[in-house]
Amino acid sequence: MNTNMDMKTIMSRQIRGYIMKVLQIGHPQPTGSNVIEICLVDAGLPVTPTALSGHLDYLKEKGYIEITKPGLKGIDLPISLPKLTPKGIDLLEGNIDPDPGVYLQ
């Protein structure tokens, strides 16, 4: 068994769960990825912007969040605005089966 792989998997699940909980606090409004990154650092789960983007993409592909990009004409801001979908709320509330890729305990 590869311990490093196991630790990486466990950390990824925890980070995704924490992201979901942060989004739950701001629901129904989206929460900036920069705010999520600060919350993760405060929780002792620091991630790079690239890693955070990967976790957000995972949650989006699972249907738990939707992501928009703030747009000002001619300006590309380096943040995204994720927010929970109804399926994401159901996951957080325990209305659907738990997802092994998202640790919510």
Protein backbone atom coordinates (compact mmCIF):
# COMPACT_ATOMS: atom_id res chain seq x y z
CA MET A 1 0.00 0.00 0.00
CA ASN A 2 1.31 3.44 -0.93
CA THR A 3 0.96 5.65 2.16
CA ASN A 4 1.65 8.88 0.26
CA MET A 5 -1.16 8.12 -2.18
CA ASP A 6 -3.51 7.35 0.67
CA MET A 7 -2.67 10.62 2.44
CA LYS A 8 -3.17 12.59 -0.77
CA THR A 9 -6.56 10.93 -1.31
CA ILE A 10 -7.65 11.60 2.26
CA MET A 11 -6.56 15.24 2.06
CA SER A 12 -8.37 15.71 -1.25
CA ARG A 13 -11.60 14.33 0.23
CA GLN A 14 -11.27 16.61 3.26
CA ILE A 15 -10.57 19.67 1.13
CA ARG A 16 -13.60 18.99 -1.09
CA GLY A 17 -15.82 18.56 1.95
CA TYR A 18 -14.53 21.77 3.47
CA ILE A 19 -15.15 23.63 0.20
CA MET A 20 -18.75 22.38 0.24
CA LYS A 21 -19.21 23.60 3.82
CA VAL A 22 -17.77 27.03 2.99
CA LEU A 23 -20.17 27.29 0.05
CA GLN A 24 -23.04 26.26 2.33
CA ILE A 25 -22.32 29.26 4.58
CA GLY A 26 -22.61 31.67 1.65
CA HIS A 27 -25.56 29.96 0.01
CA PRO A 28 -27.49 31.05 -2.04
CA GLN A 29 -24.80 33.51 -3.12
CA PRO A 30 -21.61 32.34 -4.83
CA THR A 31 -18.36 32.50 -2.86
CA GLY A 32 -15.17 33.72 -4.48
CA SER A 33 -12.43 31.16 -4.96
CA ASN A 34 -10.09 33.60 -3.23
CA VAL A 35 -12.30 33.47 -0.12
CA ILE A 36 -12.39 29.67 -0.25
CA GLU A 37 -8.59 29.61 -0.48
CA ILE A 38 -8.30 31.81 2.65
CA CYS A 39 -10.76 29.59 4.53
CA LEU A 40 -8.76 26.48 3.61
CA VAL A 41 -5.53 28.08 4.86
CA ASP A 42 -7.26 29.07 8.12
CA ALA A 43 -8.45 25.46 8.52
CA GLY A 44 -4.92 24.12 8.04
CA LEU A 45 -5.67 22.81 4.55
CA PRO A 46 -3.60 25.10 2.32
CA VAL A 47 -3.83 24.50 -1.42
CA THR A 48 -2.30 26.10 -4.45
CA PRO A 49 -4.63 27.99 -6.80
CA THR A 50 -4.14 25.19 -9.34
CA ALA A 51 -5.06 22.50 -6.81
CA LEU A 52 -8.10 24.51 -5.69
CA SER A 53 -9.21 24.81 -9.29
CA GLY A 54 -8.91 21.03 -9.64
CA HIS A 55 -11.06 20.43 -6.56
CA LEU A 56 -13.67 22.90 -7.82
CA ASP A 57 -13.69 21.18 -11.22
CA TYR A 58 -14.21 17.80 -9.50
CA LEU A 59 -17.18 19.14 -7.53
CA LYS A 60 -18.59 20.75 -10.67
CA GLU A 61 -18.28 17.52 -12.67
CA LYS A 62 -20.12 15.69 -9.87
CA GLY A 63 -22.92 18.24 -10.16
CA TYR A 64 -22.52 19.62 -6.63
CA ILE A 65 -21.52 23.15 -7.64
CA GLU A 66 -21.74 25.49 -10.58
CA ILE A 67 -18.98 27.93 -11.38
CA THR A 68 -19.15 31.33 -13.01
CA LYS A 69 -16.34 33.75 -13.74
CA PRO A 70 -16.75 37.40 -12.82
CA GLY A 71 -16.54 39.44 -15.95
CA LEU A 72 -15.61 42.99 -16.51
CA LYS A 73 -15.28 43.91 -20.12
CA GLY A 74 -11.67 43.43 -21.17
CA ILE A 75 -10.49 42.28 -17.72
CA ASP A 76 -9.81 38.66 -16.86
CA LEU A 77 -9.96 38.26 -13.09
CA PRO A 78 -8.07 35.30 -11.60
CA ILE A 79 -11.00 34.13 -9.46
CA SER A 80 -14.09 32.03 -10.00
CA LEU A 81 -17.46 32.17 -8.27
CA PRO A 82 -18.65 28.69 -7.29
CA LYS A 83 -22.01 28.10 -5.65
CA LEU A 84 -23.97 25.07 -4.56
CA THR A 85 -26.47 23.36 -6.82
CA PRO A 86 -29.59 21.63 -5.47
CA LYS A 87 -27.67 18.34 -5.68
CA GLY A 88 -24.87 19.85 -3.60
CA ILE A 89 -27.36 20.96 -0.96
CA ASP A 90 -28.88 17.47 -0.93
CA LEU A 91 -25.41 15.98 -0.39
CA LEU A 92 -24.72 18.33 2.53
CA GLU A 93 -28.12 17.66 4.10
CA GLY A 94 -27.81 13.88 3.71
CA ASN A 95 -30.76 13.64 1.31
CA ILE A 96 -28.70 11.62 -1.17
CA ASP A 97 -26.14 8.86 -0.66
CA PRO A 98 -22.77 10.05 0.66
CA ASP A 99 -20.05 10.56 -1.92
CA PRO A 100 -16.79 8.78 -1.03
CA GLY A 101 -14.85 11.55 -2.79
CA VAL A 102 -16.23 14.28 -0.50
CA TYR A 103 -15.63 13.97 3.25
CA LEU A 104 -18.40 15.84 5.10
CA GLN A 105 -17.91 14.66 8.70
